[in-house]
Amino acid sequence: MSLIQKLYDAQENKDLEKYNEVLSEDYYWLQHSTGKHITREELGKWFMSDDAPRTENQRIIYENDEIGVVHSFVTFKDGSRQAVLIVYIIKDGKIIRSETGATNIPNK
């Protein structure tokens, strides 16, 4: 099973232990909209909470031992939606960083 699929399965099942097995202790998400680095602990708390966004149509476009690229649609608690492209940087069998690009989707 792919590393990214393991991450998504852990998120969907709200399994923090398995989630942390996939992400390096030094992992961070570079949030381009703010420039902020979000740590594994911060991201894990958010994804395991009731405020976690709902992800749909998740597609792993490419993955090897160094990089993964994913596209999905995300709906946030406030009802806003985004199309999201995520790049995962992988080292020594763990995800060490992710960066996202997002496009807002107008509400119908």
N, C-alpha and C. Protein backbone atom coordinates (compact mmCIF):
# COMPACT_ATOMS: atom_id res chain seq x y z
N MET A 1 0.84 -1.17 0.00
CA MET A 1 0.00 0.00 0.00
C MET A 1 0.89 1.24 0.00
N SER A 2 0.45 2.26 -0.71
CA SER A 2 1.25 3.48 -0.80
C SER A 2 1.29 4.21 0.54
N LEU A 3 2.35 4.94 0.75
CA LEU A 3 2.52 5.74 1.97
C LEU A 3 1.41 6.77 2.10
N ILE A 4 1.09 7.42 0.99
CA ILE A 4 0.04 8.45 1.02
C ILE A 4 -1.31 7.82 1.33
N GLN A 5 -1.59 6.67 0.76
CA GLN A 5 -2.87 6.00 1.07
C GLN A 5 -2.93 5.63 2.55
N LYS A 6 -1.83 5.22 3.14
CA LYS A 6 -1.79 4.93 4.58
C LYS A 6 -2.12 6.19 5.38
N LEU A 7 -1.59 7.33 4.95
CA LEU A 7 -1.88 8.60 5.62
C LEU A 7 -3.36 8.90 5.54
N TYR A 8 -3.95 8.77 4.35
CA TYR A 8 -5.36 9.09 4.17
C TYR A 8 -6.27 8.12 4.91
N ASP A 9 -5.90 6.85 4.97
CA ASP A 9 -6.67 5.89 5.74
C ASP A 9 -6.64 6.25 7.22
N ALA A 10 -5.49 6.65 7.72
CA ALA A 10 -5.37 7.04 9.14
C ALA A 10 -6.23 8.27 9.42
N GLN A 11 -6.21 9.25 8.50
CA GLN A 11 -7.04 10.44 8.68
C GLN A 11 -8.52 10.07 8.69
N GLU A 12 -8.93 9.26 7.73
CA GLU A 12 -10.34 8.88 7.62
C GLU A 12 -10.81 8.12 8.86
N ASN A 13 -9.94 7.27 9.40
CA ASN A 13 -10.28 6.48 10.58
C ASN A 13 -9.97 7.19 11.89
N LYS A 14 -9.46 8.42 11.78
CA LYS A 14 -9.07 9.22 12.95
C LYS A 14 -8.15 8.41 13.87
N ASP A 15 -7.14 7.78 13.26
CA ASP A 15 -6.18 6.94 13.96
C ASP A 15 -4.86 7.71 14.07
N LEU A 16 -4.69 8.43 15.16
CA LEU A 16 -3.52 9.29 15.34
C LEU A 16 -2.22 8.49 15.38
N GLU A 17 -2.25 7.30 15.95
CA GLU A 17 -1.04 6.47 16.01
C GLU A 17 -0.55 6.11 14.60
N LYS A 18 -1.44 5.63 13.76
CA LYS A 18 -1.05 5.28 12.39
C LYS A 18 -0.69 6.53 11.59
N TYR A 19 -1.37 7.63 11.85
CA TYR A 19 -1.07 8.91 11.21
C TYR A 19 0.37 9.31 11.50
N ASN A 20 0.77 9.21 12.76
CA ASN A 20 2.13 9.59 13.16
C ASN A 20 3.19 8.61 12.67
N GLU A 21 2.79 7.38 12.37
CA GLU A 21 3.74 6.40 11.81
C GLU A 21 4.19 6.79 10.40
N VAL A 22 3.35 7.50 9.68
CA VAL A 22 3.61 7.85 8.29
C VAL A 22 4.38 9.17 8.18
N LEU A 23 4.14 10.07 9.12
CA LEU A 23 4.77 11.40 9.09
C LEU A 23 6.02 11.42 9.97
N SER A 24 7.09 11.99 9.46
CA SER A 24 8.32 12.15 10.22
C SER A 24 8.06 13.04 11.44
N GLU A 25 8.83 12.84 12.48
CA GLU A 25 8.71 13.71 13.66
C GLU A 25 8.99 15.16 13.30
N ASP A 26 9.81 15.38 12.27
CA ASP A 26 10.16 16.74 11.84
C ASP A 26 9.23 17.27 10.75
N TYR A 27 8.17 16.53 10.44
CA TYR A 27 7.25 16.91 9.38
C TYR A 27 6.68 18.31 9.60
N TYR A 28 6.47 19.01 8.50
CA TYR A 28 5.67 20.24 8.55
C TYR A 28 4.94 20.42 7.22
N TRP A 29 3.81 21.12 7.31
CA TRP A 29 3.02 21.50 6.14
C TRP A 29 3.28 22.98 5.91
N LEU A 30 3.76 23.31 4.74
CA LEU A 30 3.98 24.71 4.38
C LEU A 30 2.69 25.24 3.79
N GLN A 31 2.04 26.11 4.54
CA GLN A 31 0.78 26.70 4.11
C GLN A 31 1.10 27.96 3.31
N HIS A 32 0.97 27.88 2.01
CA HIS A 32 1.36 28.98 1.14
C HIS A 32 0.53 30.24 1.35
N SER A 33 -0.73 30.09 1.73
CA SER A 33 -1.59 31.27 1.90
C SER A 33 -1.11 32.17 3.03
N THR A 34 -0.42 31.59 4.03
CA THR A 34 0.06 32.39 5.16
C THR A 34 1.57 32.35 5.33
N GLY A 35 2.23 31.39 4.68
CA GLY A 35 3.67 31.20 4.86
C GLY A 35 4.00 30.44 6.13
N LYS A 36 2.99 30.01 6.85
CA LYS A 36 3.17 29.34 8.13
C LYS A 36 3.59 27.88 7.94
N HIS A 37 4.46 27.41 8.83
CA HIS A 37 4.82 26.00 8.91
C HIS A 37 3.96 25.37 10.00
N ILE A 38 3.17 24.37 9.63
CA ILE A 38 2.29 23.71 10.57
C ILE A 38 2.89 22.34 10.89
N THR A 39 3.11 22.08 12.16
CA THR A 39 3.79 20.86 12.60
C THR A 39 2.87 19.64 12.53
N ARG A 40 3.48 18.48 12.64
CA ARG A 40 2.76 17.21 12.66
C ARG A 40 1.72 17.21 13.78
N GLU A 41 2.10 17.71 14.96
CA GLU A 41 1.20 17.70 16.10
C GLU A 41 -0.01 18.61 15.85
N GLU A 42 0.23 19.81 15.32
CA GLU A 42 -0.88 20.73 15.04
C GLU A 42 -1.83 20.15 13.99
N LEU A 43 -1.26 19.63 12.93
CA LEU A 43 -2.07 19.08 11.85
C LEU A 43 -2.84 17.85 12.32
N GLY A 44 -2.17 17.00 13.09
CA GLY A 44 -2.83 15.81 13.62
C GLY A 44 -4.03 16.15 14.49
N LYS A 45 -3.89 17.15 15.35
CA LYS A 45 -5.02 17.57 16.21
C LYS A 45 -6.19 18.04 15.36
N TRP A 46 -5.89 18.80 14.31
CA TRP A 46 -6.96 19.32 13.44
C TRP A 46 -7.65 18.18 12.70
N PHE A 47 -6.86 17.29 12.07
CA PHE A 47 -7.45 16.21 11.29
C PHE A 47 -8.19 15.19 12.13
N MET A 48 -7.83 15.05 13.40
CA MET A 48 -8.51 14.10 14.27
C MET A 48 -9.73 14.72 14.95
N SER A 49 -9.91 16.02 14.82
CA SER A 49 -11.00 16.73 15.50
C SER A 49 -12.28 16.72 14.66
N ASP A 50 -13.35 17.17 15.27
CA ASP A 50 -14.63 17.31 14.56
C ASP A 50 -14.59 18.48 13.57
N ASP A 51 -13.59 19.33 13.67
CA ASP A 51 -13.45 20.47 12.75
C ASP A 51 -12.67 20.11 11.49
N ALA A 52 -12.26 18.87 11.38
CA ALA A 52 -11.46 18.44 10.22
C ALA A 52 -12.26 18.63 8.93
N PRO A 53 -11.58 19.04 7.87
CA PRO A 53 -12.27 19.18 6.59
C PRO A 53 -12.64 17.80 6.03
N ARG A 54 -13.67 17.79 5.19
CA ARG A 54 -14.08 16.55 4.53
C ARG A 54 -13.43 16.52 3.15
N THR A 55 -12.76 15.44 2.84
CA THR A 55 -12.05 15.30 1.57
C THR A 55 -12.81 14.35 0.66
N GLU A 56 -12.94 14.75 -0.61
CA GLU A 56 -13.65 13.93 -1.59
C GLU A 56 -12.82 13.81 -2.86
N ASN A 57 -13.11 12.77 -3.62
CA ASN A 57 -12.47 12.54 -4.92
C ASN A 57 -10.95 12.65 -4.84
N GLN A 58 -10.40 12.05 -3.83
CA GLN A 58 -8.95 12.07 -3.62
C GLN A 58 -8.28 11.16 -4.64
N ARG A 59 -7.29 11.70 -5.31
CA ARG A 59 -6.60 10.95 -6.36
C ARG A 59 -5.11 11.09 -6.21
N ILE A 60 -4.43 9.98 -6.02
CA ILE A 60 -2.97 10.00 -5.99
C ILE A 60 -2.51 10.00 -7.45
N ILE A 61 -1.96 11.12 -7.89
CA ILE A 61 -1.54 11.27 -9.28
C ILE A 61 -0.21 10.57 -9.51
N TYR A 62 0.71 10.71 -8.54
CA TYR A 62 2.03 10.11 -8.68
C TYR A 62 2.63 9.93 -7.30
N GLU A 63 3.35 8.81 -7.14
CA GLU A 63 4.08 8.58 -5.88
C GLU A 63 5.26 7.67 -6.15
N ASN A 64 6.42 8.05 -5.59
CA ASN A 64 7.57 7.16 -5.56
C ASN A 64 8.22 7.31 -4.19
N ASP A 65 9.48 6.91 -4.04
CA ASP A 65 10.13 6.96 -2.73
C ASP A 65 10.55 8.37 -2.29
N GLU A 66 10.40 9.35 -3.18
CA GLU A 66 10.85 10.71 -2.87
C GLU A 66 9.74 11.76 -2.90
N ILE A 67 8.66 11.50 -3.64
CA ILE A 67 7.64 12.52 -3.82
C ILE A 67 6.28 11.88 -4.08
N GLY A 68 5.24 12.58 -3.67
CA GLY A 68 3.87 12.18 -3.98
C GLY A 68 3.08 13.41 -4.38
N VAL A 69 2.17 13.24 -5.34
CA VAL A 69 1.33 14.34 -5.80
C VAL A 69 -0.13 13.87 -5.76
N VAL A 70 -0.98 14.67 -5.14
CA VAL A 70 -2.37 14.30 -4.93
C VAL A 70 -3.28 15.46 -5.30
N HIS A 71 -4.45 15.15 -5.85
CA HIS A 71 -5.48 16.16 -6.08
C HIS A 71 -6.75 15.72 -5.36
N SER A 72 -7.44 16.67 -4.75
CA SER A 72 -8.70 16.34 -4.07
C SER A 72 -9.57 17.59 -3.97
N PHE A 73 -10.80 17.38 -3.53
CA PHE A 73 -11.73 18.46 -3.23
C PHE A 73 -11.97 18.43 -1.74
N VAL A 74 -11.90 19.60 -1.11
CA VAL A 74 -12.01 19.69 0.34
C VAL A 74 -13.15 20.63 0.70
N THR A 75 -13.98 20.18 1.65
CA THR A 75 -15.07 21.01 2.18
C THR A 75 -14.76 21.27 3.64
N PHE A 76 -14.77 22.55 4.02
CA PHE A 76 -14.46 22.95 5.38
C PHE A 76 -15.73 23.08 6.20
N LYS A 77 -15.57 23.15 7.50
CA LYS A 77 -16.68 23.21 8.45
C LYS A 77 -17.64 24.36 8.15
N ASP A 78 -17.11 25.48 7.63
CA ASP A 78 -17.95 26.63 7.32
C ASP A 78 -18.67 26.51 5.98
N GLY A 79 -18.48 25.37 5.28
CA GLY A 79 -19.15 25.13 4.01
C GLY A 79 -18.35 25.54 2.79
N SER A 80 -17.24 26.25 2.98
CA SER A 80 -16.41 26.64 1.84
C SER A 80 -15.72 25.42 1.26
N ARG A 81 -15.43 25.49 -0.06
CA ARG A 81 -14.81 24.35 -0.75
C ARG A 81 -13.60 24.80 -1.52
N GLN A 82 -12.64 23.88 -1.68
CA GLN A 82 -11.44 24.15 -2.46
C GLN A 82 -11.04 22.90 -3.25
N ALA A 83 -10.48 23.14 -4.42
CA ALA A 83 -9.77 22.10 -5.15
C ALA A 83 -8.32 22.23 -4.69
N VAL A 84 -7.72 21.13 -4.25
CA VAL A 84 -6.40 21.20 -3.62
C VAL A 84 -5.42 20.26 -4.32
N LEU A 85 -4.25 20.79 -4.61
CA LEU A 85 -3.14 19.99 -5.13
C LEU A 85 -2.09 19.94 -4.03
N ILE A 86 -1.67 18.73 -3.66
CA ILE A 86 -0.72 18.56 -2.57
C ILE A 86 0.52 17.85 -3.09
N VAL A 87 1.67 18.36 -2.71
CA VAL A 87 2.94 17.69 -2.99
C VAL A 87 3.51 17.23 -1.66
N TYR A 88 3.80 15.94 -1.56
CA TYR A 88 4.41 15.37 -0.38
C TYR A 88 5.87 15.06 -0.68
N ILE A 89 6.77 15.48 0.20
CA ILE A 89 8.19 15.15 0.09
C ILE A 89 8.44 13.97 1.03
N ILE A 90 9.04 12.92 0.50
CA ILE A 90 9.23 11.67 1.23
C ILE A 90 10.73 11.40 1.38
N LYS A 91 11.12 11.00 2.59
CA LYS A 91 12.52 10.66 2.85
C LYS A 91 12.56 9.52 3.86
N ASP A 92 13.36 8.51 3.57
CA ASP A 92 13.53 7.36 4.47
C ASP A 92 12.20 6.72 4.85
N GLY A 93 11.27 6.66 3.88
CA GLY A 93 10.00 5.97 4.10
C GLY A 93 8.96 6.74 4.89
N LYS A 94 9.20 8.03 5.12
CA LYS A 94 8.23 8.86 5.84
C LYS A 94 8.02 10.17 5.10
N ILE A 95 6.87 10.74 5.29
CA ILE A 95 6.57 12.05 4.71
C ILE A 95 7.21 13.11 5.61
N ILE A 96 8.06 13.96 5.02
CA ILE A 96 8.75 14.97 5.82
C ILE A 96 8.18 16.37 5.62
N ARG A 97 7.45 16.58 4.51
CA ARG A 97 6.89 17.92 4.26
C ARG A 97 5.76 17.79 3.25
N SER A 98 4.81 18.70 3.36
CA SER A 98 3.79 18.81 2.32
C SER A 98 3.56 20.28 2.02
N GLU A 99 3.22 20.53 0.77
CA GLU A 99 2.90 21.88 0.32
C GLU A 99 1.62 21.79 -0.49
N THR A 100 0.77 22.79 -0.35
CA THR A 100 -0.52 22.75 -1.03
C THR A 100 -0.72 23.98 -1.89
N GLY A 101 -1.47 23.78 -2.94
CA GLY A 101 -1.98 24.87 -3.76
C GLY A 101 -3.49 24.66 -3.81
N ALA A 102 -4.26 25.70 -3.58
CA ALA A 102 -5.70 25.55 -3.50
C ALA A 102 -6.41 26.61 -4.34
N THR A 103 -7.54 26.19 -4.91
CA THR A 103 -8.39 27.10 -5.65
C THR A 103 -9.77 27.05 -5.02
N ASN A 104 -10.29 28.21 -4.64
CA ASN A 104 -11.63 28.27 -4.05
C ASN A 104 -12.66 27.87 -5.10
N ILE A 105 -13.68 27.14 -4.66
CA ILE A 105 -14.77 26.73 -5.52
C ILE A 105 -16.01 27.49 -5.03
N PRO A 106 -16.63 28.26 -5.90
CA PRO A 106 -17.81 29.03 -5.48
C PRO A 106 -18.95 28.09 -5.02
N ASN A 107 -19.68 28.53 -4.01
CA ASN A 107 -20.84 27.77 -3.55
C ASN A 107 -21.93 27.84 -4.60
N LYS A 108 -22.67 26.77 -4.71
CA LYS A 108 -23.74 26.71 -5.71
C LYS A 108 -24.95 27.49 -5.25
